[in-house]
C-alpha cells in the first residue's frame, strides 16, 4: 500500500510538475544537500559568528546524529532500493546514488540543521532555513532519487535530532551561564 502511494506520487510529479525550467532549479537545489554541504558550511559560519554560535553548536551536534544514525546505520540496515531502480517509467534527473534509499540523508540533515536554528531562538533565520530544507526534501522527489516516505522519515528523524541537540546545547549554555 505505502509502496503504491510512493510510486504514484513520484510518477505524478514526473508527469505533472517536471519541465525544463524547474529541472534546472531542482537539480541545483538537490545538489545543495549533497553530503550535507550547505548545512556544514552554514554550521561553520554560525560557529565562527558569536551571535549564532549556540545555533552552530546545536546544528553540529544534530548533523553528527544524522550522519551516524542515518548514513552509517539505518540506510545499511534497512537497505531499501532506490525508486528509479524499480519504478517502471520513472526517469532519474541526477546521477545514480551509491547508497540505499531509506531514509533520506538530505532530508534528515536539512531538517536537523534548520530546526536547530529555529529551536535556539533565531526565528527569521530558522524559517528561511526551514524553507530551504523543504525545498531540498521536495527536490529529492522531483529528481526521482527518493520515495516520499524516505523524505518524510528523514525529515522527522532530522526534527528529532534537532530537538535532542537543541536540548543538549541549551542545557550546556544554561549551566555555563550560571558558572560565569
N, C-alpha and C. Protein backbone atom coordinates (compact mmCIF):
# COMPACT_ATOMS: atom_id res chain seq x y z
N UNK A 1 0.82 -1.20 0.00
CA UNK A 1 0.00 0.00 0.00
C UNK A 1 0.87 1.27 0.00
N UNK A 2 1.80 1.38 0.97
CA UNK A 2 2.68 2.54 1.03
C UNK A 2 3.54 2.63 -0.23
N UNK A 3 4.03 1.48 -0.67
CA UNK A 3 4.84 1.44 -1.88
C UNK A 3 4.06 1.99 -3.07
N UNK A 4 2.82 1.61 -3.21
CA UNK A 4 1.99 2.09 -4.32
C UNK A 4 1.78 3.60 -4.24
N UNK A 5 1.54 4.10 -3.04
CA UNK A 5 1.36 5.54 -2.85
C UNK A 5 2.65 6.27 -3.22
N UNK A 6 3.78 5.77 -2.72
CA UNK A 6 5.08 6.35 -3.05
C UNK A 6 5.29 6.41 -4.57
N UNK A 7 5.04 5.30 -5.23
CA UNK A 7 5.24 5.21 -6.68
C UNK A 7 4.33 6.19 -7.42
N UNK A 8 3.07 6.21 -7.03
CA UNK A 8 2.11 7.10 -7.69
C UNK A 8 2.48 8.57 -7.54
N UNK A 9 2.95 8.95 -6.36
CA UNK A 9 3.37 10.34 -6.13
C UNK A 9 4.55 10.70 -7.03
N UNK A 10 5.54 9.83 -7.09
CA UNK A 10 6.72 10.11 -7.92
C UNK A 10 6.36 10.21 -9.40
N UNK A 11 5.52 9.31 -9.86
CA UNK A 11 5.11 9.36 -11.27
C UNK A 11 4.23 10.57 -11.55
N UNK A 12 3.41 10.98 -10.58
CA UNK A 12 2.59 12.18 -10.75
C UNK A 12 3.49 13.43 -10.85
N UNK A 13 4.48 13.52 -9.97
CA UNK A 13 5.42 14.65 -10.02
C UNK A 13 6.10 14.69 -11.39
N UNK A 14 6.57 13.53 -11.84
CA UNK A 14 7.25 13.46 -13.14
C UNK A 14 6.33 13.90 -14.27
N UNK A 15 5.09 13.47 -14.23
CA UNK A 15 4.16 13.75 -15.32
C UNK A 15 3.60 15.17 -15.29
N UNK A 16 3.35 15.72 -14.10
CA UNK A 16 2.62 16.98 -13.99
C UNK A 16 3.45 18.20 -13.58
N UNK A 17 4.59 17.98 -12.95
CA UNK A 17 5.36 19.13 -12.45
C UNK A 17 6.68 19.36 -13.19
N UNK A 18 7.27 18.31 -13.69
CA UNK A 18 8.57 18.49 -14.34
C UNK A 18 8.45 19.30 -15.62
N UNK A 19 9.42 20.22 -15.77
CA UNK A 19 9.57 20.99 -17.00
C UNK A 19 11.03 21.43 -17.07
N UNK A 20 11.49 21.83 -18.22
CA UNK A 20 12.90 22.17 -18.40
C UNK A 20 13.37 23.22 -17.41
N UNK A 21 12.56 24.25 -17.21
CA UNK A 21 12.92 25.35 -16.30
C UNK A 21 13.09 24.83 -14.86
N UNK A 22 12.09 24.09 -14.37
CA UNK A 22 12.16 23.56 -13.00
C UNK A 22 13.23 22.49 -12.85
N UNK A 23 13.47 21.72 -13.90
CA UNK A 23 14.51 20.69 -13.83
C UNK A 23 15.85 21.29 -13.44
N UNK A 24 16.19 22.41 -14.04
CA UNK A 24 17.47 23.08 -13.74
C UNK A 24 17.48 23.55 -12.28
N UNK A 25 16.41 24.16 -11.85
CA UNK A 25 16.32 24.68 -10.48
C UNK A 25 16.38 23.54 -9.46
N UNK A 26 15.62 22.49 -9.70
CA UNK A 26 15.56 21.38 -8.74
C UNK A 26 16.86 20.60 -8.67
N UNK A 27 17.55 20.48 -9.79
CA UNK A 27 18.86 19.82 -9.77
C UNK A 27 19.84 20.63 -8.92
N UNK A 28 19.77 21.96 -9.05
CA UNK A 28 20.64 22.82 -8.25
C UNK A 28 20.28 22.71 -6.77
N UNK A 29 18.99 22.78 -6.44
CA UNK A 29 18.56 22.71 -5.05
C UNK A 29 18.96 21.38 -4.42
N UNK A 30 18.76 20.29 -5.16
CA UNK A 30 19.11 18.98 -4.60
C UNK A 30 20.62 18.87 -4.38
N UNK A 31 21.41 19.51 -5.25
CA UNK A 31 22.87 19.45 -5.09
C UNK A 31 23.34 20.20 -3.85
N UNK A 32 22.56 21.18 -3.38
CA UNK A 32 22.93 21.90 -2.16
C UNK A 32 23.01 20.96 -0.96
N UNK A 33 22.20 19.91 -1.00
CA UNK A 33 22.19 18.97 0.12
C UNK A 33 23.19 17.84 0.00
N UNK A 34 23.90 17.75 -1.13
CA UNK A 34 24.87 16.66 -1.31
C UNK A 34 25.91 16.69 -0.20
N UNK A 35 26.06 15.56 0.48
CA UNK A 35 26.99 15.41 1.61
C UNK A 35 26.70 16.43 2.72
N UNK A 36 25.49 17.01 2.72
CA UNK A 36 25.12 17.99 3.73
C UNK A 36 25.91 19.28 3.63
N UNK A 37 26.50 19.53 2.47
CA UNK A 37 27.48 20.61 2.33
C UNK A 37 26.93 21.99 2.70
N UNK A 38 25.72 22.32 2.27
CA UNK A 38 25.17 23.64 2.59
C UNK A 38 25.01 23.80 4.09
N UNK A 39 24.60 22.71 4.77
CA UNK A 39 24.38 22.75 6.21
C UNK A 39 25.70 22.76 6.98
N UNK A 40 26.70 22.09 6.45
CA UNK A 40 28.02 22.10 7.08
C UNK A 40 28.62 23.50 6.97
N UNK A 41 28.54 24.09 5.79
CA UNK A 41 29.06 25.46 5.60
C UNK A 41 28.32 26.43 6.51
N UNK A 42 27.00 26.34 6.54
CA UNK A 42 26.20 27.22 7.40
C UNK A 42 26.56 27.02 8.87
N UNK A 43 26.77 25.79 9.28
CA UNK A 43 27.15 25.50 10.66
C UNK A 43 28.50 26.12 11.00
N UNK A 44 29.46 26.01 10.10
CA UNK A 44 30.78 26.61 10.33
C UNK A 44 30.66 28.13 10.45
N UNK A 45 29.86 28.73 9.57
CA UNK A 45 29.66 30.19 9.64
C UNK A 45 29.03 30.57 10.98
N UNK A 46 28.04 29.78 11.43
CA UNK A 46 27.40 30.08 12.72
C UNK A 46 28.39 29.89 13.87
N UNK A 47 29.24 28.88 13.79
CA UNK A 47 30.21 28.64 14.87
C UNK A 47 31.23 29.77 15.00
N UNK A 48 31.59 30.39 13.90
CA UNK A 48 32.58 31.47 13.98
C UNK A 48 31.95 32.85 14.19
N UNK A 49 30.61 32.90 14.19
CA UNK A 49 29.90 34.16 14.42
C UNK A 49 29.32 34.13 15.83
N UNK A 50 29.85 34.97 16.75
CA UNK A 50 29.40 34.90 18.14
C UNK A 50 27.87 34.93 18.33
N UNK A 51 27.18 35.74 17.57
CA UNK A 51 25.73 35.86 17.72
C UNK A 51 25.02 34.52 17.47
N UNK A 52 25.55 33.71 16.55
CA UNK A 52 24.90 32.46 16.15
C UNK A 52 25.61 31.20 16.66
N UNK A 53 26.58 31.37 17.54
CA UNK A 53 27.40 30.24 17.97
C UNK A 53 26.57 29.12 18.61
N UNK A 54 25.61 29.47 19.40
CA UNK A 54 24.75 28.47 20.05
C UNK A 54 24.02 27.63 18.99
N UNK A 55 23.47 28.27 17.99
CA UNK A 55 22.80 27.56 16.90
C UNK A 55 23.81 26.70 16.14
N UNK A 56 25.01 27.20 15.98
CA UNK A 56 26.07 26.44 15.31
C UNK A 56 26.42 25.16 16.04
N UNK A 57 26.54 25.25 17.36
CA UNK A 57 26.83 24.05 18.16
C UNK A 57 25.68 23.04 18.05
N UNK A 58 24.46 23.52 18.16
CA UNK A 58 23.30 22.63 18.07
C UNK A 58 23.25 21.98 16.69
N UNK A 59 23.49 22.77 15.66
CA UNK A 59 23.47 22.24 14.30
C UNK A 59 24.57 21.19 14.11
N UNK A 60 25.75 21.45 14.62
CA UNK A 60 26.85 20.49 14.50
C UNK A 60 26.50 19.16 15.17
N UNK A 61 25.92 19.24 16.36
CA UNK A 61 25.53 18.02 17.08
C UNK A 61 24.45 17.27 16.30
N UNK A 62 23.45 17.99 15.81
CA UNK A 62 22.37 17.32 15.08
C UNK A 62 22.86 16.71 13.76
N UNK A 63 23.78 17.39 13.09
CA UNK A 63 24.34 16.83 11.85
C UNK A 63 25.16 15.57 12.14
N UNK A 64 25.84 15.56 13.27
CA UNK A 64 26.58 14.36 13.66
C UNK A 64 25.62 13.20 13.93
N UNK A 65 24.52 13.49 14.65
CA UNK A 65 23.49 12.46 14.87
C UNK A 65 22.97 11.93 13.54
N UNK A 66 22.68 12.82 12.62
CA UNK A 66 22.15 12.43 11.32
C UNK A 66 23.14 11.53 10.57
N UNK A 67 24.38 11.90 10.55
CA UNK A 67 25.41 11.11 9.89
C UNK A 67 25.48 9.70 10.49
N UNK A 68 25.57 9.65 11.79
CA UNK A 68 25.74 8.35 12.46
C UNK A 68 24.50 7.46 12.32
N UNK A 69 23.34 8.02 12.62
CA UNK A 69 22.12 7.21 12.63
C UNK A 69 21.64 6.88 11.22
N UNK A 70 21.59 7.87 10.35
CA UNK A 70 21.03 7.67 9.01
C UNK A 70 22.04 6.98 8.08
N UNK A 71 23.17 7.63 7.87
CA UNK A 71 24.10 7.17 6.85
C UNK A 71 24.91 5.94 7.25
N UNK A 72 25.27 5.84 8.51
CA UNK A 72 26.09 4.70 8.90
C UNK A 72 25.28 3.51 9.39
N UNK A 73 24.08 3.75 9.91
CA UNK A 73 23.30 2.65 10.46
C UNK A 73 22.04 2.33 9.66
N UNK A 74 21.07 3.23 9.65
CA UNK A 74 19.74 2.92 9.11
C UNK A 74 19.76 2.53 7.63
N UNK A 75 20.44 3.32 6.80
CA UNK A 75 20.44 3.02 5.36
C UNK A 75 20.95 1.60 5.10
N UNK A 76 22.02 1.22 5.79
CA UNK A 76 22.61 -0.10 5.58
C UNK A 76 21.77 -1.22 6.21
N UNK A 77 21.11 -0.93 7.29
CA UNK A 77 20.29 -1.93 7.97
C UNK A 77 19.00 -2.20 7.19
N UNK A 78 18.35 -1.14 6.71
CA UNK A 78 17.08 -1.27 6.00
C UNK A 78 17.31 -1.65 4.54
N UNK A 79 18.32 -1.07 3.91
CA UNK A 79 18.74 -1.41 2.54
C UNK A 79 17.60 -1.34 1.52
N UNK A 80 16.91 -0.23 1.49
CA UNK A 80 15.82 -0.04 0.53
C UNK A 80 16.39 0.42 -0.81
N UNK A 81 15.98 -0.26 -1.86
CA UNK A 81 16.43 0.05 -3.22
C UNK A 81 15.85 1.41 -3.65
N UNK A 82 16.62 2.13 -4.42
CA UNK A 82 16.20 3.44 -4.92
C UNK A 82 15.01 3.30 -5.88
N UNK A 83 14.12 4.31 -5.90
CA UNK A 83 12.92 4.20 -6.73
C UNK A 83 13.18 4.07 -8.23
N UNK A 84 14.20 4.74 -8.74
CA UNK A 84 14.48 4.69 -10.17
C UNK A 84 14.92 3.29 -10.61
N UNK A 85 15.30 2.45 -9.65
CA UNK A 85 15.70 1.07 -9.96
C UNK A 85 14.50 0.15 -10.16
N UNK A 86 13.35 0.51 -9.57
CA UNK A 86 12.22 -0.42 -9.56
C UNK A 86 10.91 0.13 -10.12
N UNK A 87 10.78 1.43 -10.25
CA UNK A 87 9.53 2.00 -10.76
C UNK A 87 9.63 2.16 -12.27
N UNK A 88 8.83 1.39 -12.95
CA UNK A 88 8.83 1.43 -14.41
C UNK A 88 8.39 2.81 -14.90
N UNK A 89 9.21 3.41 -15.75
CA UNK A 89 8.87 4.71 -16.33
C UNK A 89 9.41 5.91 -15.57
N UNK A 90 9.94 5.70 -14.37
CA UNK A 90 10.50 6.83 -13.61
C UNK A 90 11.88 7.18 -14.15
N UNK A 91 12.04 8.44 -14.53
CA UNK A 91 13.31 8.90 -15.08
C UNK A 91 14.09 9.68 -14.02
N UNK A 92 15.31 9.28 -13.81
CA UNK A 92 16.20 9.93 -12.86
C UNK A 92 16.83 11.16 -13.52
N UNK A 93 16.80 12.30 -12.84
CA UNK A 93 17.34 13.53 -13.41
C UNK A 93 18.77 13.83 -12.96
N UNK A 94 19.28 13.07 -12.01
CA UNK A 94 20.64 13.27 -11.49
C UNK A 94 21.38 11.94 -11.58
N UNK A 95 22.65 11.95 -11.21
CA UNK A 95 23.43 10.72 -11.23
C UNK A 95 22.92 9.70 -10.21
N UNK A 96 23.14 8.44 -10.50
CA UNK A 96 22.70 7.37 -9.61
C UNK A 96 23.43 7.47 -8.27
N UNK A 97 22.71 7.14 -7.20
CA UNK A 97 23.27 7.16 -5.86
C UNK A 97 24.04 5.87 -5.60
N UNK A 98 25.00 5.93 -4.71
CA UNK A 98 25.79 4.75 -4.38
C UNK A 98 25.37 4.12 -3.06
N UNK A 99 24.41 4.73 -2.39
CA UNK A 99 23.93 4.17 -1.12
C UNK A 99 22.45 3.82 -1.23
N UNK A 100 21.89 3.34 -0.14
CA UNK A 100 20.49 2.94 -0.10
C UNK A 100 19.57 4.14 0.01
N UNK A 101 18.28 3.89 -0.14
CA UNK A 101 17.31 4.97 -0.24
C UNK A 101 16.72 5.44 1.09
N UNK A 102 16.46 4.53 2.01
CA UNK A 102 15.71 4.87 3.23
C UNK A 102 16.59 4.93 4.45
N UNK A 103 16.41 6.01 5.22
CA UNK A 103 15.71 7.27 4.98
C UNK A 103 16.60 8.26 4.24
N UNK A 104 16.02 9.37 3.84
CA UNK A 104 16.76 10.37 3.09
C UNK A 104 17.74 11.13 3.99
N UNK A 105 19.02 11.00 3.67
CA UNK A 105 20.04 11.76 4.40
C UNK A 105 19.96 13.25 4.11
N UNK A 106 19.59 13.60 2.87
CA UNK A 106 19.41 15.02 2.53
C UNK A 106 18.33 15.65 3.40
N UNK A 107 17.19 14.95 3.53
CA UNK A 107 16.09 15.49 4.33
C UNK A 107 16.47 15.54 5.80
N UNK A 108 17.12 14.48 6.27
CA UNK A 108 17.50 14.44 7.69
C UNK A 108 18.45 15.57 8.06
N UNK A 109 19.52 15.72 7.30
CA UNK A 109 20.49 16.78 7.64
C UNK A 109 19.87 18.16 7.46
N UNK A 110 19.03 18.32 6.44
CA UNK A 110 18.41 19.62 6.21
C UNK A 110 17.50 20.02 7.36
N UNK A 111 16.63 19.12 7.78
CA UNK A 111 15.71 19.44 8.87
C UNK A 111 16.42 19.49 10.22
N UNK A 112 17.45 18.68 10.39
CA UNK A 112 18.21 18.72 11.63
C UNK A 112 18.83 20.10 11.83
N UNK A 113 19.52 20.59 10.84
CA UNK A 113 20.19 21.88 10.95
C UNK A 113 19.20 23.03 11.00
N UNK A 114 18.23 23.03 10.09
CA UNK A 114 17.25 24.13 10.03
C UNK A 114 16.47 24.25 11.33
N UNK A 115 16.03 23.13 11.88
CA UNK A 115 15.26 23.17 13.13
C UNK A 115 16.11 23.62 14.30
N UNK A 116 17.40 23.27 14.29
CA UNK A 116 18.29 23.75 15.36
C UNK A 116 18.37 25.27 15.36
N UNK A 117 18.44 25.86 14.18
CA UNK A 117 18.49 27.32 14.09
C UNK A 117 17.22 27.90 14.70
N UNK A 118 16.09 27.32 14.37
CA UNK A 118 14.81 27.79 14.91
C UNK A 118 14.72 27.55 16.42
N UNK A 119 15.10 26.37 16.88
CA UNK A 119 14.94 25.99 18.29
C UNK A 119 15.91 26.70 19.22
N UNK A 120 16.97 27.30 18.68
CA UNK A 120 17.90 28.03 19.54
C UNK A 120 17.60 29.52 19.55
N UNK A 121 16.45 29.89 19.00
CA UNK A 121 15.98 31.26 19.18
C UNK A 121 16.10 32.18 17.99
N UNK A 122 16.45 31.69 16.84
CA UNK A 122 16.62 32.55 15.67
C UNK A 122 15.45 32.32 14.72
N UNK A 123 14.36 33.01 14.98
CA UNK A 123 13.09 32.76 14.28
C UNK A 123 13.18 33.04 12.77
N UNK A 124 13.60 34.23 12.39
CA UNK A 124 13.66 34.58 10.96
C UNK A 124 14.63 33.68 10.21
N UNK A 125 15.80 33.50 10.77
CA UNK A 125 16.81 32.67 10.13
C UNK A 125 16.35 31.21 10.08
N UNK A 126 15.69 30.76 11.14
CA UNK A 126 15.18 29.40 11.20
C UNK A 126 14.10 29.14 10.17
N UNK A 127 13.21 30.10 9.98
CA UNK A 127 12.15 29.95 8.97
C UNK A 127 12.76 29.89 7.57
N UNK A 128 13.74 30.76 7.30
CA UNK A 128 14.42 30.73 6.00
C UNK A 128 15.11 29.38 5.79
N UNK A 129 15.75 28.87 6.82
CA UNK A 129 16.43 27.57 6.73
C UNK A 129 15.42 26.44 6.52
N UNK A 130 14.27 26.54 7.18
CA UNK A 130 13.23 25.52 7.00
C UNK A 130 12.67 25.52 5.58
N UNK A 131 12.53 26.69 5.00
CA UNK A 131 12.07 26.76 3.61
C UNK A 131 13.07 26.05 2.70
N UNK A 132 14.36 26.29 2.93
CA UNK A 132 15.38 25.59 2.15
C UNK A 132 15.33 24.08 2.40
N UNK A 133 15.12 23.68 3.65
CA UNK A 133 15.02 22.25 3.98
C UNK A 133 13.85 21.60 3.24
N UNK A 134 12.69 22.27 3.22
CA UNK A 134 11.54 21.75 2.49
C UNK A 134 11.85 21.63 1.00
N UNK A 135 12.50 22.65 0.44
CA UNK A 135 12.85 22.62 -0.98
C UNK A 135 13.81 21.48 -1.30
N UNK A 136 14.80 21.28 -0.45
CA UNK A 136 15.75 20.18 -0.66
C UNK A 136 15.01 18.84 -0.57
N UNK A 137 14.15 18.70 0.43
CA UNK A 137 13.37 17.47 0.56
C UNK A 137 12.51 17.21 -0.67
N UNK A 138 11.79 18.23 -1.13
CA UNK A 138 10.95 18.06 -2.31
C UNK A 138 11.80 17.77 -3.55
N UNK A 139 12.95 18.39 -3.64
CA UNK A 139 13.80 18.18 -4.81
C UNK A 139 14.22 16.72 -4.95
N UNK A 140 14.32 16.01 -3.82
CA UNK A 140 14.70 14.60 -3.86
C UNK A 140 13.61 13.77 -4.54
N UNK A 141 12.37 14.18 -4.37
CA UNK A 141 11.26 13.52 -5.06
C UNK A 141 11.24 13.93 -6.53
N UNK A 142 11.41 15.20 -6.75
CA UNK A 142 11.33 15.76 -8.10
C UNK A 142 12.35 15.10 -9.03
N UNK A 143 13.57 14.92 -8.56
CA UNK A 143 14.61 14.34 -9.42
C UNK A 143 14.53 12.81 -9.49
N UNK A 144 13.68 12.20 -8.67
CA UNK A 144 13.43 10.77 -8.74
C UNK A 144 14.39 9.89 -7.98
N UNK A 145 15.10 10.45 -7.02
CA UNK A 145 16.11 9.66 -6.31
C UNK A 145 15.62 9.09 -4.98
N UNK A 146 14.48 9.59 -4.48
CA UNK A 146 13.91 9.11 -3.21
C UNK A 146 12.41 8.90 -3.33
N UNK A 147 11.91 7.99 -2.53
CA UNK A 147 10.47 7.82 -2.34
C UNK A 147 9.99 8.91 -1.38
N UNK A 148 8.71 9.30 -1.45
CA UNK A 148 8.17 10.26 -0.48
C UNK A 148 8.34 9.79 0.98
N UNK A 149 8.17 8.51 1.22
CA UNK A 149 8.33 8.01 2.60
C UNK A 149 9.77 8.12 3.08
N UNK A 150 10.75 8.04 2.18
CA UNK A 150 12.16 8.25 2.54
C UNK A 150 12.36 9.68 3.05
N UNK A 151 11.79 10.62 2.31
CA UNK A 151 11.96 12.04 2.63
C UNK A 151 11.21 12.39 3.91
N UNK A 152 9.98 11.90 4.04
CA UNK A 152 9.19 12.18 5.24
C UNK A 152 9.88 11.63 6.48
N UNK A 153 10.32 10.39 6.42
CA UNK A 153 11.00 9.80 7.59
C UNK A 153 12.33 10.51 7.87
N UNK A 154 13.06 10.86 6.82
CA UNK A 154 14.31 11.60 7.01
C UNK A 154 14.06 12.94 7.69
N UNK A 155 13.00 13.64 7.26
CA UNK A 155 12.67 14.94 7.86
C UNK A 155 12.27 14.78 9.32
N UNK A 156 11.46 13.76 9.63
CA UNK A 156 11.04 13.53 11.01
C UNK A 156 12.21 13.14 11.90
N UNK A 157 13.10 12.31 11.38
CA UNK A 157 14.30 11.97 12.15
C UNK A 157 15.18 13.21 12.36
N UNK A 158 15.32 14.02 11.32
CA UNK A 158 16.08 15.27 11.45
C UNK A 158 15.48 16.17 12.52
N UNK A 159 14.15 16.25 12.55
CA UNK A 159 13.47 17.02 13.60
C UNK A 159 13.81 16.46 14.97
N UNK A 160 13.78 15.15 15.09
CA UNK A 160 14.14 14.52 16.37
C UNK A 160 15.58 14.80 16.77
N UNK A 161 16.49 14.75 15.81
CA UNK A 161 17.89 15.07 16.10
C UNK A 161 18.03 16.52 16.54
N UNK A 162 17.27 17.41 15.90
CA UNK A 162 17.32 18.84 16.25
C UNK A 162 16.79 19.08 17.66
N UNK A 163 15.70 18.42 18.00
CA UNK A 163 15.14 18.57 19.35
C UNK A 163 16.17 18.11 20.38
N UNK A 164 16.77 16.96 20.14
CA UNK A 164 17.76 16.41 21.07
C UNK A 164 18.98 17.31 21.16
N UNK A 165 19.53 17.71 20.02
CA UNK A 165 20.73 18.55 20.01
C UNK A 165 20.46 19.91 20.64
N UNK A 166 19.33 20.51 20.34
CA UNK A 166 18.99 21.82 20.91
C UNK A 166 18.82 21.72 22.42
N UNK A 167 18.20 20.65 22.88
CA UNK A 167 18.03 20.43 24.32
C UNK A 167 19.40 20.33 25.00
N UNK A 168 20.29 19.54 24.42
CA UNK A 168 21.63 19.36 24.99
C UNK A 168 22.38 20.69 25.02
N UNK A 169 22.39 21.40 23.90
CA UNK A 169 23.14 22.66 23.81
C UNK A 169 22.52 23.72 24.72
N UNK A 170 21.20 23.81 24.77
CA UNK A 170 20.56 24.78 25.67
C UNK A 170 20.90 24.48 27.13
N UNK A 171 20.93 23.22 27.51
CA UNK A 171 21.30 22.83 28.89
C UNK A 171 22.73 23.25 29.19
N UNK A 172 23.63 22.98 28.25
CA UNK A 172 25.04 23.34 28.45
C UNK A 172 25.19 24.86 28.58
N UNK A 173 24.52 25.60 27.72
CA UNK A 173 24.59 27.07 27.77
C UNK A 173 24.04 27.60 29.08
N UNK A 174 22.92 27.03 29.56
CA UNK A 174 22.36 27.47 30.85
C UNK A 174 23.33 27.19 31.99
N UNK A 175 23.94 26.01 31.97
CA UNK A 175 24.89 25.63 33.02
C UNK A 175 26.11 26.55 32.98
N UNK A 176 26.62 26.83 31.79
CA UNK A 176 27.77 27.71 31.67
C UNK A 176 27.45 29.14 32.10
N UNK A 177 26.25 29.61 31.83
CA UNK A 177 25.89 30.98 32.20
C UNK A 177 25.75 31.11 33.73
N UNK A 178 25.43 30.03 34.42
CA UNK A 178 25.35 30.06 35.88
C UNK A 178 26.71 30.06 36.54
N UNK A 179 27.72 29.47 35.85
CA UNK A 179 29.05 29.38 36.44
C UNK A 179 29.91 30.58 36.12
N UNK A 180 29.49 31.41 35.17
CA UNK A 180 30.32 32.56 34.78
C UNK A 180 29.94 33.78 35.57
